[in-house]
PDB file of N, CA and C in Angstrom:
ATOM      1  N   MET A   1     -10.326 -41.997  11.329  1.00  0.00           N
ATOM      2  CA  MET A   1     -10.735 -41.208  12.476  1.00  0.00           C
ATOM      3  C   MET A   1     -11.139 -39.807  12.018  1.00  0.00           C
ATOM      4  N   ASP A   2     -12.270 -39.294  12.499  1.00  0.00           N
ATOM      5  CA  ASP A   2     -12.654 -37.941  12.116  1.00  0.00           C
ATOM      6  C   ASP A   2     -12.097 -36.930  13.121  1.00  0.00           C
ATOM      7  N   ASP A   3     -12.266 -35.634  12.803  1.00  0.00           N
ATOM      8  CA  ASP A   3     -11.705 -34.573  13.642  1.00  0.00           C
ATOM      9  C   ASP A   3     -12.272 -34.581  15.053  1.00  0.00           C
ATOM     10  N   THR A   4     -13.527 -34.978  15.215  1.00  0.00           N
ATOM     11  CA  THR A   4     -14.137 -35.028  16.544  1.00  0.00           C
ATOM     12  C   THR A   4     -13.396 -36.010  17.432  1.00  0.00           C
ATOM     13  N   GLN A   5     -13.053 -37.155  16.882  1.00  0.00           N
ATOM     14  CA  GLN A   5     -12.305 -38.140  17.661  1.00  0.00           C
ATOM     15  C   GLN A   5     -10.908 -37.635  17.988  1.00  0.00           C
ATOM     16  N   ASN A   6     -10.259 -36.956  17.068  1.00  0.00           N
ATOM     17  CA  ASN A   6      -8.914 -36.442  17.309  1.00  0.00           C
ATOM     18  C   ASN A   6      -8.894 -35.432  18.454  1.00  0.00           C
ATOM     19  N   ASP A   7      -9.941 -34.621  18.563  1.00  0.00           N
ATOM     20  CA  ASP A   7      -9.984 -33.608  19.614  1.00  0.00           C
ATOM     21  C   ASP A   7     -10.076 -34.212  21.001  1.00  0.00           C
ATOM     22  N   THR A   8     -10.567 -35.447  21.107  1.00  0.00           N
ATOM     23  CA  THR A   8     -10.716 -36.053  22.417  1.00  0.00           C
ATOM     24  C   THR A   8      -9.501 -36.876  22.830  1.00  0.00           C
ATOM     25  N   LEU A   9      -8.568 -37.083  21.912  1.00  0.00           N
ATOM     26  CA  LEU A   9      -7.375 -37.854  22.242  1.00  0.00           C
ATOM     27  C   LEU A   9      -6.418 -37.003  23.063  1.00  0.00           C
ATOM     28  N   GLN A  10      -5.762 -37.623  24.012  1.00  0.00           N
ATOM     29  CA  GLN A  10      -4.770 -36.923  24.817  1.00  0.00           C
ATOM     30  C   GLN A  10      -3.417 -37.574  24.599  1.00  0.00           C
ATOM     31  N   VAL A  11      -2.398 -36.733  24.528  1.00  0.00           N
ATOM     32  CA  VAL A  11      -1.038 -37.231  24.371  1.00  0.00           C
ATOM     33  C   VAL A  11      -0.373 -37.181  25.728  1.00  0.00           C
ATOM     34  N   ARG A  12       0.179 -38.294  26.159  1.00  0.00           N
ATOM     35  CA  ARG A  12       0.907 -38.341  27.429  1.00  0.00           C
ATOM     36  C   ARG A  12       2.360 -37.962  27.159  1.00  0.00           C
ATOM     37  N   VAL A  13       2.852 -37.028  27.946  1.00  0.00           N
ATOM     38  CA  VAL A  13       4.203 -36.529  27.758  1.00  0.00           C
ATOM     39  C   VAL A  13       4.978 -36.753  29.047  1.00  0.00           C
ATOM     40  N   PRO A  14       6.116 -37.432  28.973  1.00  0.00           N
ATOM     41  CA  PRO A  14       6.925 -37.573  30.191  1.00  0.00           C
ATOM     42  C   PRO A  14       7.485 -36.209  30.597  1.00  0.00           C
ATOM     43  N   ILE A  15       7.496 -35.946  31.882  1.00  0.00           N
ATOM     44  CA  ILE A  15       8.040 -34.685  32.398  1.00  0.00           C
ATOM     45  C   ILE A  15       9.517 -34.933  32.694  1.00  0.00           C
ATOM     46  N   ASP A  16      10.327 -34.753  31.647  1.00  0.00           N
ATOM     47  CA  ASP A  16      11.756 -35.069  31.754  1.00  0.00           C
ATOM     48  C   ASP A  16      12.656 -33.925  31.297  1.00  0.00           C
ATOM     49  N   GLY A  17      12.065 -32.775  31.010  1.00  0.00           N
ATOM     50  CA  GLY A  17      12.858 -31.622  30.599  1.00  0.00           C
ATOM     51  C   GLY A  17      13.035 -31.495  29.096  1.00  0.00           C
ATOM     52  N   VAL A  18      12.372 -32.361  28.326  1.00  0.00           N
ATOM     53  CA  VAL A  18      12.423 -32.268  26.863  1.00  0.00           C
ATOM     54  C   VAL A  18      10.994 -32.335  26.344  1.00  0.00           C
ATOM     55  N   LEU A  19      10.563 -31.258  25.692  1.00  0.00           N
ATOM     56  CA  LEU A  19       9.217 -31.192  25.138  1.00  0.00           C
ATOM     57  C   LEU A  19       9.321 -31.107  23.616  1.00  0.00           C
ATOM     58  N   ASP A  20       8.904 -32.160  22.930  1.00  0.00           N
ATOM     59  CA  ASP A  20       8.926 -32.201  21.471  1.00  0.00           C
ATOM     60  C   ASP A  20       7.545 -31.822  20.963  1.00  0.00           C
ATOM     61  N   LEU A  21       7.445 -30.676  20.325  1.00  0.00           N
ATOM     62  CA  LEU A  21       6.158 -30.153  19.890  1.00  0.00           C
ATOM     63  C   LEU A  21       5.650 -30.784  18.603  1.00  0.00           C
ATOM     64  N   HIS A  22       6.434 -31.633  17.974  1.00  0.00           N
ATOM     65  CA  HIS A  22       6.019 -32.244  16.710  1.00  0.00           C
ATOM     66  C   HIS A  22       4.745 -33.074  16.838  1.00  0.00           C
ATOM     67  N   THR A  23       4.426 -33.571  18.001  1.00  0.00           N
ATOM     68  CA  THR A  23       3.255 -34.432  18.177  1.00  0.00           C
ATOM     69  C   THR A  23       2.001 -33.649  18.580  1.00  0.00           C
ATOM     70  N   PHE A  24       2.091 -32.320  18.650  1.00  0.00           N
ATOM     71  CA  PHE A  24       0.979 -31.509  19.127  1.00  0.00           C
ATOM     72  C   PHE A  24       0.422 -30.611  18.041  1.00  0.00           C
ATOM     73  N   ASN A  25      -0.840 -30.280  18.207  1.00  0.00           N
ATOM     74  CA  ASN A  25      -1.489 -29.330  17.325  1.00  0.00           C
ATOM     75  C   ASN A  25      -0.987 -27.938  17.705  1.00  0.00           C
ATOM     76  N   PRO A  26      -0.577 -27.133  16.735  1.00  0.00           N
ATOM     77  CA  PRO A  26      -0.058 -25.795  17.062  1.00  0.00           C
ATOM     78  C   PRO A  26      -1.022 -24.934  17.882  1.00  0.00           C
ATOM     79  N   ARG A  27      -2.322 -25.155  17.752  1.00  0.00           N
ATOM     80  CA  ARG A  27      -3.272 -24.342  18.522  1.00  0.00           C
ATOM     81  C   ARG A  27      -3.227 -24.661  20.018  1.00  0.00           C
ATOM     82  N   ASP A  28      -2.610 -25.784  20.401  1.00  0.00           N
ATOM     83  CA  ASP A  28      -2.513 -26.175  21.805  1.00  0.00           C
ATOM     84  C   ASP A  28      -1.259 -25.656  22.499  1.00  0.00           C
ATOM     85  N   ILE A  29      -0.347 -25.084  21.741  1.00  0.00           N
ATOM     86  CA  ILE A  29       0.958 -24.682  22.270  1.00  0.00           C
ATOM     87  C   ILE A  29       0.827 -23.643  23.392  1.00  0.00           C
ATOM     88  N   GLY A  30      -0.110 -22.707  23.240  1.00  0.00           N
ATOM     89  CA  GLY A  30      -0.271 -21.628  24.223  1.00  0.00           C
ATOM     90  C   GLY A  30      -0.585 -22.116  25.626  1.00  0.00           C
ATOM     91  N   SER A  31      -1.279 -23.228  25.753  1.00  0.00           N
ATOM     92  CA  SER A  31      -1.579 -23.775  27.075  1.00  0.00           C
ATOM     93  C   SER A  31      -0.621 -24.907  27.448  1.00  0.00           C
ATOM     94  N   LEU A  32      -0.128 -25.623  26.458  1.00  0.00           N
ATOM     95  CA  LEU A  32       0.768 -26.754  26.703  1.00  0.00           C
ATOM     96  C   LEU A  32       2.085 -26.312  27.338  1.00  0.00           C
ATOM     97  N   ILE A  33       2.710 -25.306  26.775  1.00  0.00           N
ATOM     98  CA  ILE A  33       4.035 -24.896  27.256  1.00  0.00           C
ATOM     99  C   ILE A  33       3.999 -24.446  28.717  1.00  0.00           C
ATOM    100  N   PRO A  34       3.105 -23.534  29.119  1.00  0.00           N
ATOM    101  CA  PRO A  34       3.082 -23.153  30.539  1.00  0.00           C
ATOM    102  C   PRO A  34       2.810 -24.337  31.472  1.00  0.00           C
ATOM    103  N   GLU A  35       1.900 -25.209  31.057  1.00  0.00           N
ATOM    104  CA  GLU A  35       1.579 -26.373  31.887  1.00  0.00           C
ATOM    105  C   GLU A  35       2.794 -27.293  32.028  1.00  0.00           C
ATOM    106  N   TYR A  36       3.459 -27.573  30.916  1.00  0.00           N
ATOM    107  CA  TYR A  36       4.632 -28.455  30.949  1.00  0.00           C
ATOM    108  C   TYR A  36       5.748 -27.840  31.797  1.00  0.00           C
ATOM    109  N   LEU A  37       6.024 -26.558  31.589  1.00  0.00           N
ATOM    110  CA  LEU A  37       7.100 -25.908  32.345  1.00  0.00           C
ATOM    111  C   LEU A  37       6.771 -25.860  33.837  1.00  0.00           C
ATOM    112  N   SER A  38       5.513 -25.669  34.165  1.00  0.00           N
ATOM    113  CA  SER A  38       5.099 -25.675  35.571  1.00  0.00           C
ATOM    114  C   SER A  38       5.354 -27.036  36.211  1.00  0.00           C
ATOM    115  N   LEU A  39       5.023 -28.094  35.483  1.00  0.00           N
ATOM    116  CA  LEU A  39       5.272 -29.444  35.997  1.00  0.00           C
ATOM    117  C   LEU A  39       6.771 -29.716  36.132  1.00  0.00           C
ATOM    118  N   CYS A  40       7.561 -29.189  35.211  1.00  0.00           N
ATOM    119  CA  CYS A  40       9.021 -29.334  35.326  1.00  0.00           C
ATOM    120  C   CYS A  40       9.513 -28.661  36.600  1.00  0.00           C
ATOM    121  N   ARG A  41       9.040 -27.464  36.873  1.00  0.00           N
ATOM    122  CA  ARG A  41       9.441 -26.757  38.097  1.00  0.00           C
ATOM    123  C   ARG A  41       9.081 -27.554  39.335  1.00  0.00           C
ATOM    124  N   GLU A  42       7.885 -28.146  39.334  1.00  0.00           N
ATOM    125  CA  GLU A  42       7.458 -28.962  40.477  1.00  0.00           C
ATOM    126  C   GLU A  42       8.405 -30.139  40.699  1.00  0.00           C
ATOM    127  N   LYS A  43       8.975 -30.663  39.619  1.00  0.00           N
ATOM    128  CA  LYS A  43       9.906 -31.789  39.722  1.00  0.00           C
ATOM    129  C   LYS A  43      11.355 -31.326  39.913  1.00  0.00           C
ATOM    130  N   GLY A  44      11.578 -30.021  39.959  1.00  0.00           N
ATOM    131  CA  GLY A  44      12.933 -29.494  40.138  1.00  0.00           C
ATOM    132  C   GLY A  44      13.739 -29.455  38.855  1.00  0.00           C
ATOM    133  N   ILE A  45      13.083 -29.591  37.716  1.00  0.00           N
ATOM    134  CA  ILE A  45      13.763 -29.508  36.419  1.00  0.00           C
ATOM    135  C   ILE A  45      13.718 -28.050  35.993  1.00  0.00           C
ATOM    136  N   LEU A  46      14.869 -27.391  36.012  1.00  0.00           N
ATOM    137  CA  LEU A  46      14.914 -25.955  35.757  1.00  0.00           C
ATOM    138  C   LEU A  46      15.541 -25.593  34.416  1.00  0.00           C
ATOM    139  N   GLU A  47      16.038 -26.588  33.698  1.00  0.00           N
ATOM    140  CA  GLU A  47      16.541 -26.379  32.337  1.00  0.00           C
ATOM    141  C   GLU A  47      15.766 -27.311  31.419  1.00  0.00           C
ATOM    142  N   VAL A  48      15.064 -26.721  30.470  1.00  0.00           N
ATOM    143  CA  VAL A  48      14.155 -27.471  29.609  1.00  0.00           C
ATOM    144  C   VAL A  48      14.495 -27.199  28.144  1.00  0.00           C
ATOM    145  N   ARG A  49      14.387 -28.250  27.332  1.00  0.00           N
ATOM    146  CA  ARG A  49      14.566 -28.128  25.880  1.00  0.00           C
ATOM    147  C   ARG A  49      13.198 -28.246  25.223  1.00  0.00           C
ATOM    148  N   ILE A  50      12.851 -27.254  24.416  1.00  0.00           N
ATOM    149  CA  ILE A  50      11.615 -27.308  23.640  1.00  0.00           C
ATOM    150  C   ILE A  50      12.004 -27.483  22.180  1.00  0.00           C
ATOM    151  N   ILE A  51      11.602 -28.609  21.604  1.00  0.00           N
ATOM    152  CA  ILE A  51      11.920 -28.919  20.216  1.00  0.00           C
ATOM    153  C   ILE A  51      10.741 -28.469  19.360  1.00  0.00           C
ATOM    154  N   HIS A  52      10.962 -27.442  18.564  1.00  0.00           N
ATOM    155  CA  HIS A  52       9.905 -26.904  17.710  1.00  0.00           C
ATOM    156  C   HIS A  52      10.215 -27.099  16.241  1.00  0.00           C
ATOM    157  N   GLY A  53      11.415 -27.514  15.921  1.00  0.00           N
ATOM    158  CA  GLY A  53      11.806 -27.707  14.529  1.00  0.00           C
ATOM    159  C   GLY A  53      12.213 -26.392  13.890  1.00  0.00           C
ATOM    160  N   LYS A  54      12.805 -26.497  12.725  1.00  0.00           N
ATOM    161  CA  LYS A  54      13.312 -25.310  12.030  1.00  0.00           C
ATOM    162  C   LYS A  54      12.236 -24.704  11.141  1.00  0.00           C
ATOM    163  N   GLY A  55      11.702 -25.438  10.229  1.00  0.00           N
ATOM    164  CA  GLY A  55      10.597 -24.979   9.378  1.00  0.00           C
ATOM    165  C   GLY A  55      10.699 -23.525   8.952  1.00  0.00           C
ATOM    166  N   THR A  56       9.560 -22.850   8.978  1.00  0.00           N
ATOM    167  CA  THR A  56       9.502 -21.441   8.571  1.00  0.00           C
ATOM    168  C   THR A  56       9.781 -20.491   9.729  1.00  0.00           C
ATOM    169  N   GLY A  57       9.820 -21.019  10.946  1.00  0.00           N
ATOM    170  CA  GLY A  57      10.069 -20.194  12.129  1.00  0.00           C
ATOM    171  C   GLY A  57       8.805 -19.741  12.835  1.00  0.00           C
ATOM    172  N   THR A  58       7.647 -20.058  12.280  1.00  0.00           N
ATOM    173  CA  THR A  58       6.383 -19.635  12.887  1.00  0.00           C
ATOM    174  C   THR A  58       6.200 -20.253  14.266  1.00  0.00           C
ATOM    175  N   LEU A  59       6.426 -21.555  14.387  1.00  0.00           N
ATOM    176  CA  LEU A  59       6.254 -22.222  15.680  1.00  0.00           C
ATOM    177  C   LEU A  59       7.285 -21.714  16.682  1.00  0.00           C
ATOM    178  N   ARG A  60       8.512 -21.491  16.243  1.00  0.00           N
ATOM    179  CA  ARG A  60       9.551 -20.944  17.136  1.00  0.00           C
ATOM    180  C   ARG A  60       9.108 -19.584  17.675  1.00  0.00           C
ATOM    181  N   ARG A  61       8.588 -18.733  16.817  1.00  0.00           N
ATOM    182  CA  ARG A  61       8.137 -17.412  17.259  1.00  0.00           C
ATOM    183  C   ARG A  61       6.970 -17.532  18.239  1.00  0.00           C
ATOM    184  N   THR A  62       6.082 -18.475  18.014  1.00  0.00           N
ATOM    185  CA  THR A  62       4.969 -18.702  18.934  1.00  0.00           C
ATOM    186  C   THR A  62       5.483 -19.163  20.295  1.00  0.00           C
ATOM    187  N   VAL A  63       6.425 -20.106  20.283  1.00  0.00           N
ATOM    188  CA  VAL A  63       7.031 -20.586  21.538  1.00  0.00           C
ATOM    189  C   VAL A  63       7.658 -19.422  22.286  1.00  0.00           C
ATOM    190  N   HIS A  64       8.421 -18.598  21.614  1.00  0.00           N
ATOM    191  CA  HIS A  64       9.095 -17.478  22.266  1.00  0.00           C
ATOM    192  C   HIS A  64       8.089 -16.460  22.798  1.00  0.00           C
ATOM    193  N   ALA A  65       6.988 -16.242  22.076  1.00  0.00           N
ATOM    194  CA  ALA A  65       5.950 -15.324  22.556  1.00  0.00           C
ATOM    195  C   ALA A  65       5.324 -15.846  23.852  1.00  0.00           C
ATOM    196  N   VAL A  66       5.091 -17.159  23.924  1.00  0.00           N
ATOM    197  CA  VAL A  66       4.546 -17.755  25.151  1.00  0.00           C
ATOM    198  C   VAL A  66       5.555 -17.604  26.287  1.00  0.00           C
ATOM    199  N   LEU A  67       6.814 -17.896  26.023  1.00  0.00           N
ATOM    200  CA  LEU A  67       7.846 -17.798  27.061  1.00  0.00           C
ATOM    201  C   LEU A  67       7.973 -16.375  27.587  1.00  0.00           C
ATOM    202  N   ASN A  68       7.823 -15.394  26.714  1.00  0.00           N
ATOM    203  CA  ASN A  68       7.931 -13.984  27.129  1.00  0.00           C
ATOM    204  C   ASN A  68       6.861 -13.597  28.141  1.00  0.00           C
ATOM    205  N   LYS A  69       5.752 -14.318  28.176  1.00  0.00           N
ATOM    206  CA  LYS A  69       4.645 -13.998  29.077  1.00  0.00           C
ATOM    207  C   LYS A  69       4.771 -14.661  30.446  1.00  0.00           C
ATOM    208  N   LEU A  70       5.730 -15.572  30.601  1.00  0.00           N
ATOM    209  CA  LEU A  70       5.844 -16.338  31.849  1.00  0.00           C
ATOM    210  C   LEU A  70       6.877 -15.700  32.765  1.00  0.00           C
ATOM    211  N   SER A  71       6.422 -15.214  33.911  1.00  0.00           N
ATOM    212  CA  SER A  71       7.316 -14.504  34.831  1.00  0.00           C
ATOM    213  C   SER A  71       8.381 -15.413  35.438  1.00  0.00           C
ATOM    214  N   TRP A  72       8.152 -16.713  35.425  1.00  0.00           N
ATOM    215  CA  TRP A  72       9.106 -17.642  36.033  1.00  0.00           C
ATOM    216  C   TRP A  72      10.089 -18.221  35.034  1.00  0.00           C
ATOM    217  N   VAL A  73      10.095 -17.678  33.831  1.00  0.00           N
ATOM    218  CA  VAL A  73      11.146 -18.018  32.859  1.00  0.00           C
ATOM    219  C   VAL A  73      12.254 -16.983  33.047  1.00  0.00           C
ATOM    220  N   ILE A  74      13.421 -17.451  33.471  1.00  0.00           N
ATOM    221  CA  ILE A  74      14.555 -16.552  33.678  1.00  0.00           C
ATOM    222  C   ILE A  74      15.085 -16.081  32.334  1.00  0.00           C
ATOM    223  N   ALA A  75      15.275 -17.038  31.422  1.00  0.00           N
ATOM    224  CA  ALA A  75      15.839 -16.730  30.105  1.00  0.00           C
ATOM    225  C   ALA A  75      15.578 -17.906  29.178  1.00  0.00           C
ATOM    226  N   TYR A  76      15.755 -17.660  27.899  1.00  0.00           N
ATOM    227  CA  TYR A  76      15.727 -18.740  26.910  1.00  0.00           C
ATOM    228  C   TYR A  76      16.646 -18.350  25.766  1.00  0.00           C
ATOM    229  N   ARG A  77      17.070 -19.360  25.026  1.00  0.00           N
ATOM    230  CA  ARG A  77      17.965 -19.127  23.890  1.00  0.00           C
ATOM    231  C   ARG A  77      17.833 -20.290  22.915  1.00  0.00           C
ATOM    232  N   LEU A  78      18.248 -20.046  21.701  1.00  0.00           N
ATOM    233  CA  LEU A  78      18.312 -21.132  20.733  1.00  0.00           C
ATOM    234  C   LEU A  78      19.487 -22.022  21.100  1.00  0.00           C
ATOM    235  N   ALA A  79      19.345 -23.297  20.868  1.00  0.00           N
ATOM    236  CA  ALA A  79      20.392 -24.263  21.215  1.00  0.00           C
ATOM    237  C   ALA A  79      21.621 -24.059  20.320  1.00  0.00           C
ATOM    238  N   ASP A  80      22.753 -24.513  20.807  1.00  0.00           N
ATOM    239  CA  ASP A  80      23.957 -24.523  19.984  1.00  0.00           C
ATOM    240  C   ASP A  80      23.725 -25.408  18.766  1.00  0.00           C
ATOM    241  N   THR A  81      24.497 -25.201  17.735  1.00  0.00           N
ATOM    242  CA  THR A  81      24.340 -25.950  16.494  1.00  0.00           C
ATOM    243  C   THR A  81      24.357 -27.456  16.705  1.00  0.00           C
ATOM    244  N   ASP A  82      25.244 -27.940  17.560  1.00  0.00           N
ATOM    245  CA  ASP A  82      25.348 -29.387  17.788  1.00  0.00           C
ATOM    246  C   ASP A  82      24.233 -29.935  18.681  1.00  0.00           C
ATOM    247  N   ALA A  83      23.375 -29.047  19.217  1.00  0.00           N
ATOM    248  CA  ALA A  83      22.283 -29.479  20.093  1.00  0.00           C
ATOM    249  C   ALA A  83      20.910 -29.168  19.499  1.00  0.00           C
ATOM    250  N   GLY A  84      20.871 -28.907  18.210  1.00  0.00           N
ATOM    251  CA  GLY A  84      19.584 -28.658  17.548  1.00  0.00           C
ATOM    252  C   GLY A  84      19.471 -27.299  16.893  1.00  0.00           C
ATOM    253  N   GLY A  85      20.402 -26.401  17.214  1.00  0.00           N
ATOM    254  CA  GLY A  85      20.398 -25.089  16.576  1.00  0.00           C
ATOM    255  C   GLY A  85      19.074 -24.370  16.724  1.00  0.00           C
ATOM    256  N   TRP A  86      18.653 -23.696  15.668  1.00  0.00           N
ATOM    257  CA  TRP A  86      17.441 -22.894  15.760  1.00  0.00           C
ATOM    258  C   TRP A  86      16.161 -23.718  15.688  1.00  0.00           C
ATOM    259  N   GLY A  87      16.277 -25.038  15.773  1.00  0.00           N
ATOM    260  CA  GLY A  87      15.109 -25.910  15.878  1.00  0.00           C
ATOM    261  C   GLY A  87      14.770 -26.264  17.319  1.00  0.00           C
ATOM    262  N   VAL A  88      15.592 -25.775  18.254  1.00  0.00           N
ATOM    263  CA  VAL A  88      15.406 -26.086  19.677  1.00  0.00           C
ATOM    264  C   VAL A  88      15.604 -24.816  20.495  1.00  0.00           C
ATOM    265  N   THR A  89      14.713 -24.601  21.440  1.00  0.00           N
ATOM    266  CA  THR A  89      14.870 -23.496  22.385  1.00  0.00           C
ATOM    267  C   THR A  89      15.169 -24.072  23.761  1.00  0.00           C
ATOM    268  N   GLU A  90      16.226 -23.573  24.370  1.00  0.00           N
ATOM    269  CA  GLU A  90      16.581 -23.966  25.736  1.00  0.00           C
ATOM    270  C   GLU A  90      15.998 -22.927  26.683  1.00  0.00           C
ATOM    271  N   VAL A  91      15.308 -23.396  27.709  1.00  0.00           N
ATOM    272  CA  VAL A  91      14.591 -22.519  28.635  1.00  0.00           C
ATOM    273  C   VAL A  91      15.156 -22.712  30.038  1.00  0.00           C
ATOM    274  N   PHE A  92      15.327 -21.615  30.750  1.00  0.00           N
ATOM    275  CA  PHE A  92      15.848 -21.637  32.112  1.00  0.00           C
ATOM    276  C   PHE A  92      14.776 -21.067  33.042  1.00  0.00           C
ATOM    277  N   LEU A  93      14.407 -21.868  34.045  1.00  0.00           N
ATOM    278  CA  LEU A  93      13.276 -21.544  34.920  1.00  0.00           C
ATOM    279  C   LEU A  93      13.712 -21.167  36.326  1.00  0.00           C
ATOM    280  N   LYS A  94      12.918 -20.307  36.948  1.00  0.00           N
ATOM    281  CA  LYS A  94      13.118 -19.985  38.361  1.00  0.00           C
ATOM    282  C   LYS A  94      12.643 -21.182  39.185  1.00  0.00           C
ATOM    283  N   PRO A  95      13.348 -21.508  40.259  1.00  0.00           N
ATOM    284  CA  PRO A  95      12.873 -22.591  41.133  1.00  0.00           C
ATOM    285  C   PRO A  95      11.611 -22.158  41.863  1.00  0.00           C
ATOM    286  N   LEU A  96      10.820 -23.125  42.253  1.00  0.00           N
ATOM    287  CA  LEU A  96       9.642 -22.841  43.065  1.00  0.00           C
ATOM    288  C   LEU A  96      10.103 -22.355  44.429  1.00  0.00           C
ATOM    289  N   GLN A  97       9.369 -21.402  44.988  1.00  0.00           N
ATOM    290  CA  GLN A  97       9.654 -20.935  46.339  1.00  0.00           C
ATOM    291  C   GLN A  97       9.158 -21.976  47.310  1.00  0.00           C
ATOM    292  N   LYS A  98      10.015 -22.356  48.231  1.00  0.00           N
ATOM    293  CA  LYS A  98       9.603 -23.321  49.257  1.00  0.00           C
ATOM    294  C   LYS A  98       8.828 -22.584  50.319  1.00  0.00           C
ATOM    295  N   SER A  99       7.655 -23.117  50.642  1.00  0.00           N
ATOM    296  CA  SER A  99       6.825 -22.480  51.674  1.00  0.00           C
ATOM    297  C   SER A  99       7.360 -22.861  53.053  1.00  0.00           C
ATOM    298  N   THR A 100       7.311 -21.907  53.940  1.00  0.00           N
ATOM    299  CA  THR A 100       7.753 -22.166  55.316  1.00  0.00           C
ATOM    300  C   THR A 100       6.542 -22.526  56.151  1.00  0.00           C
ATOM    301  N   PRO A 101       6.686 -23.526  57.021  1.00  0.00           N
ATOM    302  CA  PRO A 101       5.549 -23.980  57.834  1.00  0.00           C
ATOM    303  C   PRO A 101       5.123 -22.968  58.866  1.00  0.00           C
TER     304      PRO A 101
END
């Protein structure tokens, strides 16, 4: 498969509160994370795990930079050691405001 074909492929991700970034191109992270978190909020999922891996920390820093820009992220933190440690970021979201009729 050449690069042109790869660009047209879409990855289906279940909206279950766990986003594993290992299957995505790092250049897509900036749009993927807000979209995924928005869909989680729509489903009432307000605690989300983003798996970015440990590596050099570049992807973790990118994830945190994206989270810092989202007004509906209440807080985030690295997971406890037994839950992925610094390879996982736990995100806490504001609930959607219910519109009144």
